[in-house]
Amino acid sequence: MAAVTLSYSQVLRVIGQNLMPLGVDGFELVKSGDDYVVRMRQAEIPEVLSAEKTFFNKLVGKIVGKADAGKKTPERIYFSSMDILTSDIEQQAKRRVGSPRDVRDLSFVLRVLGNYLDRKAAREFSISVDPDSIKVRYDQKEERFTIQDLYDFGIQMYLRRSGRH
């Protein structure tokens, strides 16, 4: 049986689908060989700051909602290539054809960043999601993205997809 290799776009979508139910405020995702490690950042935002005003929550707030106060989020989550492939197969059965439900969906945001990394042919990378920004480091480069950047990348990604048969 031939080995299946997923693009970063596919891998990061799967990771996003697994992180969405946790309702995290911030995290760092690191590619380590064929595996991925997500380190959670627990509530670094002062309670005075409204959740709707943070960058991260603008992207995912309406879809994810707030995490249950009684639910403990793990500090680290490891995703092996086999975990990702298995989860992708399971999630594929649940996906609908067409556009995502909402651009604030974390799996969509990570998918867009994965598509960007695919186009840059990145080998190793990390993605830091904070309440007010997303920072991507790859191949000794570092970039910060705004909501508008991610929206534009998503539109470009779907326009490229619609042009293929």
N, C-alpha and C. Protein backbone atom coordinates (compact mmCIF):
# COMPACT_ATOMS: atom_id res chain seq x y z
N MET A 1 0.84 -1.18 0.00
CA MET A 1 0.00 0.00 0.00
C MET A 1 0.88 1.24 0.00
N ALA A 2 0.59 2.19 -0.86
CA ALA A 2 1.38 3.41 -0.97
C ALA A 2 1.11 4.32 0.22
N ALA A 3 2.17 5.02 0.64
CA ALA A 3 2.03 5.97 1.75
C ALA A 3 1.23 7.18 1.30
N VAL A 4 0.37 7.66 2.17
CA VAL A 4 -0.44 8.83 1.88
C VAL A 4 0.22 10.03 2.52
N THR A 5 0.43 11.08 1.74
CA THR A 5 1.01 12.30 2.26
C THR A 5 -0.01 13.41 2.11
N LEU A 6 -0.31 14.05 3.21
CA LEU A 6 -1.26 15.17 3.18
C LEU A 6 -0.48 16.48 3.07
N SER A 7 -1.09 17.45 2.41
CA SER A 7 -0.48 18.77 2.33
C SER A 7 -0.60 19.45 3.68
N TYR A 8 0.14 20.53 3.89
CA TYR A 8 0.01 21.30 5.13
C TYR A 8 -1.42 21.83 5.26
N SER A 9 -2.01 22.21 4.16
CA SER A 9 -3.37 22.71 4.17
C SER A 9 -4.31 21.65 4.77
N GLN A 10 -4.17 20.42 4.35
CA GLN A 10 -5.02 19.33 4.85
C GLN A 10 -4.71 19.03 6.31
N VAL A 11 -3.41 18.95 6.64
CA VAL A 11 -2.99 18.63 8.00
C VAL A 11 -3.49 19.69 8.98
N LEU A 12 -3.29 20.96 8.64
CA LEU A 12 -3.67 22.02 9.56
C LEU A 12 -5.19 22.14 9.70
N ARG A 13 -5.93 21.82 8.64
CA ARG A 13 -7.39 21.79 8.76
C ARG A 13 -7.81 20.75 9.79
N VAL A 14 -7.21 19.57 9.73
CA VAL A 14 -7.54 18.50 10.67
C VAL A 14 -7.19 18.91 12.10
N ILE A 15 -6.03 19.51 12.28
CA ILE A 15 -5.65 19.97 13.62
C ILE A 15 -6.64 21.02 14.11
N GLY A 16 -7.02 21.95 13.24
CA GLY A 16 -8.01 22.95 13.61
C GLY A 16 -9.33 22.33 14.02
N GLN A 17 -9.77 21.29 13.30
CA GLN A 17 -11.01 20.61 13.63
C GLN A 17 -10.94 19.98 15.01
N ASN A 18 -9.74 19.51 15.38
CA ASN A 18 -9.56 18.89 16.69
C ASN A 18 -9.42 19.93 17.81
N LEU A 19 -8.94 21.12 17.48
CA LEU A 19 -8.77 22.17 18.50
C LEU A 19 -10.05 22.96 18.75
N MET A 20 -10.91 23.07 17.75
CA MET A 20 -12.11 23.91 17.87
C MET A 20 -12.94 23.62 19.12
N PRO A 21 -13.23 22.38 19.44
CA PRO A 21 -14.07 22.12 20.61
C PRO A 21 -13.43 22.55 21.94
N LEU A 22 -12.12 22.77 21.95
CA LEU A 22 -11.44 23.14 23.19
C LEU A 22 -11.61 24.61 23.54
N GLY A 23 -11.90 25.45 22.55
CA GLY A 23 -12.11 26.87 22.80
C GLY A 23 -10.91 27.58 23.40
N VAL A 24 -9.72 27.28 22.94
CA VAL A 24 -8.50 27.87 23.50
C VAL A 24 -8.34 29.33 23.10
N ASP A 25 -7.67 30.12 23.94
CA ASP A 25 -7.42 31.53 23.66
C ASP A 25 -6.17 31.73 22.80
N GLY A 26 -5.23 30.84 22.92
CA GLY A 26 -4.00 30.95 22.16
C GLY A 26 -3.23 29.65 22.23
N PHE A 27 -2.37 29.46 21.25
CA PHE A 27 -1.58 28.24 21.22
C PHE A 27 -0.40 28.43 20.28
N GLU A 28 0.55 27.52 20.39
CA GLU A 28 1.65 27.47 19.43
C GLU A 28 1.65 26.07 18.85
N LEU A 29 1.65 26.01 17.52
CA LEU A 29 1.67 24.75 16.80
C LEU A 29 3.04 24.62 16.15
N VAL A 30 3.73 23.52 16.42
CA VAL A 30 5.08 23.31 15.89
C VAL A 30 5.12 22.01 15.10
N LYS A 31 5.66 22.08 13.90
CA LYS A 31 5.89 20.88 13.10
C LYS A 31 7.23 20.31 13.54
N SER A 32 7.23 19.05 13.93
CA SER A 32 8.44 18.39 14.40
C SER A 32 8.57 17.07 13.64
N GLY A 33 9.39 17.07 12.61
CA GLY A 33 9.48 15.89 11.74
C GLY A 33 8.17 15.71 11.01
N ASP A 34 7.56 14.51 11.14
CA ASP A 34 6.26 14.25 10.53
C ASP A 34 5.12 14.51 11.51
N ASP A 35 5.45 14.87 12.74
CA ASP A 35 4.45 15.06 13.76
C ASP A 35 4.26 16.55 14.07
N TYR A 36 3.20 16.84 14.81
CA TYR A 36 2.85 18.21 15.17
C TYR A 36 2.54 18.26 16.65
N VAL A 37 3.02 19.32 17.31
CA VAL A 37 2.77 19.51 18.74
C VAL A 37 2.07 20.85 18.91
N VAL A 38 0.99 20.85 19.67
CA VAL A 38 0.27 22.08 19.98
C VAL A 38 0.43 22.33 21.47
N ARG A 39 1.00 23.49 21.80
CA ARG A 39 1.15 23.92 23.19
C ARG A 39 0.10 24.99 23.46
N MET A 40 -0.74 24.72 24.43
CA MET A 40 -1.84 25.64 24.76
C MET A 40 -1.33 26.77 25.62
N ARG A 41 -1.95 27.92 25.44
CA ARG A 41 -1.73 29.06 26.32
C ARG A 41 -3.05 29.30 27.03
N GLN A 42 -3.07 29.08 28.32
CA GLN A 42 -4.31 29.21 29.10
C GLN A 42 -4.56 30.67 29.46
N ALA A 43 -5.71 31.17 29.10
CA ALA A 43 -6.25 32.48 29.49
C ALA A 43 -5.22 33.52 29.89
N GLU A 44 -4.47 33.99 28.91
CA GLU A 44 -3.48 35.03 29.18
C GLU A 44 -4.10 36.43 29.13
N ILE A 45 -5.37 36.53 28.77
CA ILE A 45 -6.01 37.82 28.59
C ILE A 45 -6.67 38.25 29.90
N PRO A 46 -6.50 39.50 30.30
CA PRO A 46 -7.22 39.96 31.49
C PRO A 46 -8.72 39.91 31.23
N GLU A 47 -9.50 39.64 32.27
CA GLU A 47 -10.95 39.53 32.11
C GLU A 47 -11.59 40.82 31.66
N VAL A 48 -10.92 41.95 31.87
CA VAL A 48 -11.47 43.25 31.50
C VAL A 48 -11.63 43.35 29.99
N LEU A 49 -10.74 42.72 29.23
CA LEU A 49 -10.79 42.78 27.78
C LEU A 49 -11.90 41.87 27.27
N SER A 50 -12.79 42.40 26.51
CA SER A 50 -13.90 41.64 25.96
C SER A 50 -13.39 40.58 25.00
N ALA A 51 -13.93 39.37 25.08
CA ALA A 51 -13.50 38.28 24.21
C ALA A 51 -13.74 38.60 22.75
N GLU A 52 -14.81 39.37 22.45
CA GLU A 52 -15.11 39.69 21.07
C GLU A 52 -14.09 40.63 20.45
N LYS A 53 -13.27 41.29 21.26
CA LYS A 53 -12.32 42.26 20.73
C LYS A 53 -10.94 41.65 20.45
N THR A 54 -10.73 40.40 20.79
CA THR A 54 -9.43 39.79 20.54
C THR A 54 -9.38 39.25 19.12
N PHE A 55 -8.19 39.27 18.53
CA PHE A 55 -7.98 38.80 17.16
C PHE A 55 -8.45 37.37 16.99
N PHE A 56 -7.98 36.50 17.87
CA PHE A 56 -8.29 35.08 17.76
C PHE A 56 -9.80 34.85 17.84
N ASN A 57 -10.45 35.50 18.81
CA ASN A 57 -11.88 35.29 18.97
C ASN A 57 -12.69 35.91 17.86
N LYS A 58 -12.17 36.95 17.21
CA LYS A 58 -12.86 37.48 16.04
C LYS A 58 -12.92 36.41 14.96
N LEU A 59 -11.88 35.60 14.89
CA LEU A 59 -11.82 34.56 13.87
C LEU A 59 -12.68 33.35 14.20
N VAL A 60 -12.68 32.94 15.47
CA VAL A 60 -13.34 31.69 15.80
C VAL A 60 -14.48 31.78 16.80
N GLY A 61 -14.71 32.93 17.38
CA GLY A 61 -15.67 33.08 18.47
C GLY A 61 -17.07 32.60 18.18
N LYS A 62 -17.62 32.96 17.04
CA LYS A 62 -19.01 32.61 16.76
C LYS A 62 -19.18 31.11 16.51
N ILE A 63 -18.16 30.46 15.99
CA ILE A 63 -18.26 29.03 15.71
C ILE A 63 -17.94 28.21 16.95
N VAL A 64 -16.82 28.51 17.59
CA VAL A 64 -16.34 27.72 18.70
C VAL A 64 -17.12 27.98 19.98
N GLY A 65 -17.47 29.22 20.22
CA GLY A 65 -18.11 29.57 21.48
C GLY A 65 -17.08 29.61 22.58
N LYS A 66 -17.51 29.53 23.80
CA LYS A 66 -16.59 29.58 24.93
C LYS A 66 -16.44 28.18 25.49
N ALA A 67 -15.23 27.90 25.96
CA ALA A 67 -14.97 26.59 26.55
C ALA A 67 -15.72 26.46 27.87
N ASP A 68 -16.11 25.25 28.20
CA ASP A 68 -16.76 25.00 29.48
C ASP A 68 -15.79 25.34 30.60
N ALA A 69 -16.26 26.08 31.60
CA ALA A 69 -15.40 26.48 32.71
C ALA A 69 -14.86 25.27 33.45
N GLY A 70 -15.64 24.19 33.53
CA GLY A 70 -15.21 23.01 34.26
C GLY A 70 -14.30 22.09 33.46
N LYS A 71 -14.19 22.32 32.16
CA LYS A 71 -13.40 21.44 31.30
C LYS A 71 -11.95 21.88 31.30
N LYS A 72 -11.03 20.96 31.61
CA LYS A 72 -9.60 21.27 31.63
C LYS A 72 -9.02 21.00 30.24
N THR A 73 -8.35 22.01 29.69
CA THR A 73 -7.71 21.87 28.39
C THR A 73 -6.29 21.35 28.62
N PRO A 74 -5.86 20.34 27.89
CA PRO A 74 -4.50 19.83 28.07
C PRO A 74 -3.47 20.89 27.68
N GLU A 75 -2.29 20.84 28.31
CA GLU A 75 -1.24 21.80 28.01
C GLU A 75 -0.61 21.54 26.65
N ARG A 76 -0.50 20.28 26.28
CA ARG A 76 0.08 19.90 24.99
C ARG A 76 -0.76 18.80 24.36
N ILE A 77 -0.84 18.89 23.04
CA ILE A 77 -1.50 17.83 22.28
C ILE A 77 -0.55 17.43 21.16
N TYR A 78 -0.31 16.14 21.05
CA TYR A 78 0.57 15.61 20.01
C TYR A 78 -0.28 15.00 18.91
N PHE A 79 0.06 15.32 17.68
CA PHE A 79 -0.61 14.76 16.52
C PHE A 79 0.43 14.02 15.68
N SER A 80 0.35 12.69 15.67
CA SER A 80 1.24 11.93 14.80
C SER A 80 0.66 11.95 13.39
N SER A 81 1.46 11.59 12.42
CA SER A 81 0.95 11.55 11.04
C SER A 81 -0.20 10.55 10.92
N MET A 82 -0.16 9.47 11.67
CA MET A 82 -1.24 8.48 11.65
C MET A 82 -2.51 9.05 12.29
N ASP A 83 -2.36 9.78 13.41
CA ASP A 83 -3.52 10.43 14.05
C ASP A 83 -4.20 11.38 13.06
N ILE A 84 -3.40 12.16 12.36
CA ILE A 84 -3.93 13.15 11.43
C ILE A 84 -4.65 12.47 10.27
N LEU A 85 -4.04 11.44 9.71
CA LEU A 85 -4.64 10.72 8.60
C LEU A 85 -5.97 10.08 9.01
N THR A 86 -5.99 9.46 10.18
CA THR A 86 -7.21 8.83 10.68
C THR A 86 -8.30 9.88 10.92
N SER A 87 -7.93 10.98 11.55
CA SER A 87 -8.90 12.04 11.81
C SER A 87 -9.41 12.66 10.51
N ASP A 88 -8.53 12.80 9.52
CA ASP A 88 -8.94 13.35 8.23
C ASP A 88 -9.99 12.47 7.57
N ILE A 89 -9.79 11.17 7.62
CA ILE A 89 -10.75 10.23 7.03
C ILE A 89 -12.09 10.34 7.76
N GLU A 90 -12.05 10.42 9.10
CA GLU A 90 -13.28 10.55 9.88
C GLU A 90 -13.99 11.87 9.57
N GLN A 91 -13.24 12.95 9.49
CA GLN A 91 -13.83 14.27 9.25
C GLN A 91 -14.33 14.43 7.82
N GLN A 92 -13.69 13.74 6.88
CA GLN A 92 -14.11 13.82 5.47
C GLN A 92 -15.56 13.39 5.31
N ALA A 93 -15.96 12.41 6.06
CA ALA A 93 -17.33 11.91 5.97
C ALA A 93 -18.34 12.96 6.47
N LYS A 94 -17.89 13.87 7.33
CA LYS A 94 -18.78 14.89 7.90
C LYS A 94 -18.80 16.20 7.10
N ARG A 95 -17.79 16.40 6.25
CA ARG A 95 -17.69 17.67 5.51
C ARG A 95 -18.73 17.78 4.43
N ARG A 96 -19.15 19.02 4.20
CA ARG A 96 -20.04 19.32 3.08
C ARG A 96 -19.22 19.91 1.95
N VAL A 97 -19.65 19.69 0.75
CA VAL A 97 -18.99 20.26 -0.42
C VAL A 97 -19.30 21.76 -0.45
N GLY A 98 -18.32 22.55 -0.83
CA GLY A 98 -18.56 24.00 -0.94
C GLY A 98 -17.73 24.77 0.05
N SER A 99 -18.09 25.99 0.25
CA SER A 99 -17.36 26.89 1.12
C SER A 99 -17.53 26.50 2.58
N PRO A 100 -16.59 26.94 3.41
CA PRO A 100 -16.74 26.67 4.85
C PRO A 100 -17.93 27.44 5.40
N ARG A 101 -18.41 27.00 6.54
CA ARG A 101 -19.57 27.65 7.16
C ARG A 101 -19.27 29.11 7.48
N ASP A 102 -18.07 29.39 7.91
CA ASP A 102 -17.75 30.72 8.36
C ASP A 102 -16.24 30.89 8.35
N VAL A 103 -15.75 32.04 7.91
CA VAL A 103 -14.30 32.25 7.84
C VAL A 103 -13.68 32.38 9.22
N ARG A 104 -14.48 32.44 10.27
CA ARG A 104 -13.93 32.50 11.63
C ARG A 104 -13.68 31.10 12.18
N ASP A 105 -13.95 30.09 11.42
CA ASP A 105 -13.75 28.71 11.80
C ASP A 105 -12.24 28.45 11.90
N LEU A 106 -11.78 27.95 13.05
CA LEU A 106 -10.34 27.73 13.26
C LEU A 106 -9.76 26.77 12.23
N SER A 107 -10.50 25.75 11.85
CA SER A 107 -9.97 24.82 10.85
C SER A 107 -9.75 25.51 9.51
N PHE A 108 -10.62 26.46 9.17
CA PHE A 108 -10.45 27.23 7.93
C PHE A 108 -9.22 28.13 8.03
N VAL A 109 -9.05 28.81 9.15
CA VAL A 109 -7.90 29.70 9.34
C VAL A 109 -6.60 28.91 9.23
N LEU A 110 -6.53 27.76 9.90
CA LEU A 110 -5.31 26.95 9.83
C LEU A 110 -5.13 26.36 8.43
N ARG A 111 -6.22 26.02 7.77
CA ARG A 111 -6.12 25.52 6.40
C ARG A 111 -5.54 26.58 5.48
N VAL A 112 -5.98 27.83 5.62
CA VAL A 112 -5.45 28.93 4.81
C VAL A 112 -3.96 29.11 5.08
N LEU A 113 -3.56 29.06 6.36
CA LEU A 113 -2.14 29.17 6.68
C LEU A 113 -1.35 27.98 6.12
N GLY A 114 -1.95 26.79 6.16
CA GLY A 114 -1.31 25.61 5.58
C GLY A 114 -1.12 25.75 4.09
N ASN A 115 -2.12 26.31 3.41
CA ASN A 115 -2.02 26.55 1.97
C ASN A 115 -0.88 27.53 1.68
N TYR A 116 -0.77 28.56 2.51
CA TYR A 116 0.31 29.54 2.38
C TYR A 116 1.67 28.85 2.54
N LEU A 117 1.79 27.99 3.55
CA LEU A 117 3.05 27.26 3.78
C LEU A 117 3.34 26.27 2.66
N ASP A 118 2.30 25.65 2.10
CA ASP A 118 2.47 24.76 0.95
C ASP A 118 3.07 25.54 -0.22
N ARG A 119 2.52 26.71 -0.50
CA ARG A 119 3.00 27.53 -1.62
C ARG A 119 4.43 28.02 -1.39
N LYS A 120 4.81 28.23 -0.12
CA LYS A 120 6.17 28.66 0.21
C LYS A 120 7.13 27.47 0.28
N ALA A 121 6.61 26.26 0.14
CA ALA A 121 7.40 25.02 0.23
C ALA A 121 8.19 24.96 1.54
N ALA A 122 7.53 25.33 2.62
CA ALA A 122 8.16 25.32 3.94
C ALA A 122 8.48 23.89 4.36
N ARG A 123 9.58 23.73 5.06
CA ARG A 123 9.96 22.41 5.55
C ARG A 123 9.58 22.25 7.03
N GLU A 124 10.03 23.15 7.85
CA GLU A 124 9.70 23.16 9.26
C GLU A 124 9.03 24.49 9.56
N PHE A 125 8.08 24.50 10.47
CA PHE A 125 7.40 25.75 10.77
C PHE A 125 6.77 25.71 12.15
N SER A 126 6.40 26.90 12.62
CA SER A 126 5.58 27.02 13.82
C SER A 126 4.58 28.14 13.59
N ILE A 127 3.44 28.00 14.23
CA ILE A 127 2.38 29.00 14.13
C ILE A 127 2.00 29.37 15.55
N SER A 128 2.09 30.66 15.87
CA SER A 128 1.70 31.16 17.19
C SER A 128 0.42 31.95 17.05
N VAL A 129 -0.60 31.51 17.76
CA VAL A 129 -1.89 32.20 17.75
C VAL A 129 -2.06 32.84 19.12
N ASP A 130 -2.12 34.15 19.13
CA ASP A 130 -2.33 34.93 20.35
C ASP A 130 -3.65 35.65 20.21
N PRO A 131 -4.14 36.22 21.30
CA PRO A 131 -5.42 36.92 21.22
C PRO A 131 -5.46 38.05 20.19
N ASP A 132 -4.31 38.61 19.83
CA ASP A 132 -4.34 39.75 18.91
C ASP A 132 -3.55 39.56 17.62
N SER A 133 -2.97 38.39 17.40
CA SER A 133 -2.20 38.20 16.17
C SER A 133 -1.93 36.73 15.90
N ILE A 134 -1.51 36.47 14.66
CA ILE A 134 -1.03 35.14 14.27
C ILE A 134 0.35 35.35 13.66
N LYS A 135 1.32 34.62 14.20
CA LYS A 135 2.70 34.72 13.72
C LYS A 135 3.11 33.36 13.17
N VAL A 136 3.71 33.37 11.99
CA VAL A 136 4.17 32.13 11.36
C VAL A 136 5.67 32.24 11.14
N ARG A 137 6.38 31.23 11.63
CA ARG A 137 7.83 31.13 11.40
C ARG A 137 8.08 29.89 10.55
N TYR A 138 8.83 30.08 9.46
CA TYR A 138 9.16 28.94 8.61
C TYR A 138 10.49 29.22 7.93
N ASP A 139 11.32 28.20 7.82
CA ASP A 139 12.59 28.29 7.11
C ASP A 139 13.33 29.60 7.40
N GLN A 140 13.49 29.93 8.66
CA GLN A 140 14.22 31.10 9.14
C GLN A 140 13.59 32.42 8.72
N LYS A 141 12.30 32.42 8.46
CA LYS A 141 11.54 33.64 8.16
C LYS A 141 10.43 33.74 9.20
N GLU A 142 9.96 34.96 9.43
CA GLU A 142 8.86 35.17 10.36
C GLU A 142 7.91 36.20 9.76
N GLU A 143 6.61 35.90 9.83
CA GLU A 143 5.59 36.81 9.30
C GLU A 143 4.42 36.88 10.27
N ARG A 144 3.80 38.05 10.34
CA ARG A 144 2.58 38.26 11.13
C ARG A 144 1.43 38.50 10.17
N PHE A 145 0.27 38.00 10.55
CA PHE A 145 -0.90 38.13 9.68
C PHE A 145 -2.04 38.81 10.41
N THR A 146 -2.79 39.60 9.64
CA THR A 146 -3.98 40.27 10.14
C THR A 146 -5.21 39.47 9.69
N ILE A 147 -6.35 39.86 10.21
CA ILE A 147 -7.61 39.24 9.78
C ILE A 147 -7.79 39.43 8.28
N GLN A 148 -7.49 40.63 7.80
CA GLN A 148 -7.65 40.93 6.37
C GLN A 148 -6.72 40.05 5.52
N ASP A 149 -5.47 39.84 5.98
CA ASP A 149 -4.53 38.97 5.27
C ASP A 149 -5.11 37.57 5.12
N LEU A 150 -5.62 37.03 6.22
CA LEU A 150 -6.15 35.67 6.20
C LEU A 150 -7.39 35.57 5.32
N TYR A 151 -8.22 36.59 5.36
CA TYR A 151 -9.40 36.62 4.50
C TYR A 151 -8.96 36.62 3.03
N ASP A 152 -8.00 37.49 2.69
CA ASP A 152 -7.50 37.57 1.31
C ASP A 152 -6.88 36.24 0.86
N PHE A 153 -6.08 35.62 1.73
CA PHE A 153 -5.48 34.33 1.39
C PHE A 153 -6.56 33.28 1.14
N GLY A 154 -7.61 33.30 1.97
CA GLY A 154 -8.70 32.34 1.81
C GLY A 154 -9.42 32.53 0.48
N ILE A 155 -9.68 33.78 0.11
CA ILE A 155 -10.33 34.07 -1.18
C ILE A 155 -9.44 33.58 -2.32
N GLN A 156 -8.15 33.89 -2.25
CA GLN A 156 -7.21 33.46 -3.30
C GLN A 156 -7.18 31.93 -3.39
N MET A 157 -7.19 31.26 -2.25
CA MET A 157 -7.15 29.80 -2.23
C MET A 157 -8.39 29.24 -2.94
N TYR A 158 -9.57 29.76 -2.64
CA TYR A 158 -10.78 29.26 -3.26
C TYR A 158 -10.87 29.64 -4.74
N LEU A 159 -10.34 30.79 -5.12
CA LEU A 159 -10.33 31.16 -6.53
C LEU A 159 -9.44 30.21 -7.33
N ARG A 160 -8.29 29.84 -6.77
CA ARG A 160 -7.40 28.88 -7.44
C ARG A 160 -8.09 27.52 -7.56
N ARG A 161 -8.78 27.11 -6.52
CA ARG A 161 -9.48 25.81 -6.53
C ARG A 161 -10.59 25.80 -7.57
N SER A 162 -11.32 26.91 -7.69
CA SER A 162 -12.44 26.94 -8.64
C SER A 162 -11.97 26.89 -10.08
N GLY A 163 -10.70 27.25 -10.33
CA GLY A 163 -10.16 27.23 -11.68
C GLY A 163 -9.69 25.86 -12.14
N ARG A 164 -9.62 24.90 -11.24
CA ARG A 164 -9.15 23.56 -11.64
C ARG A 164 -10.34 22.62 -11.85
N HIS A 165 -10.11 21.60 -12.65
CA HIS A 165 -11.20 20.65 -12.94
C HIS A 165 -10.83 19.26 -12.50
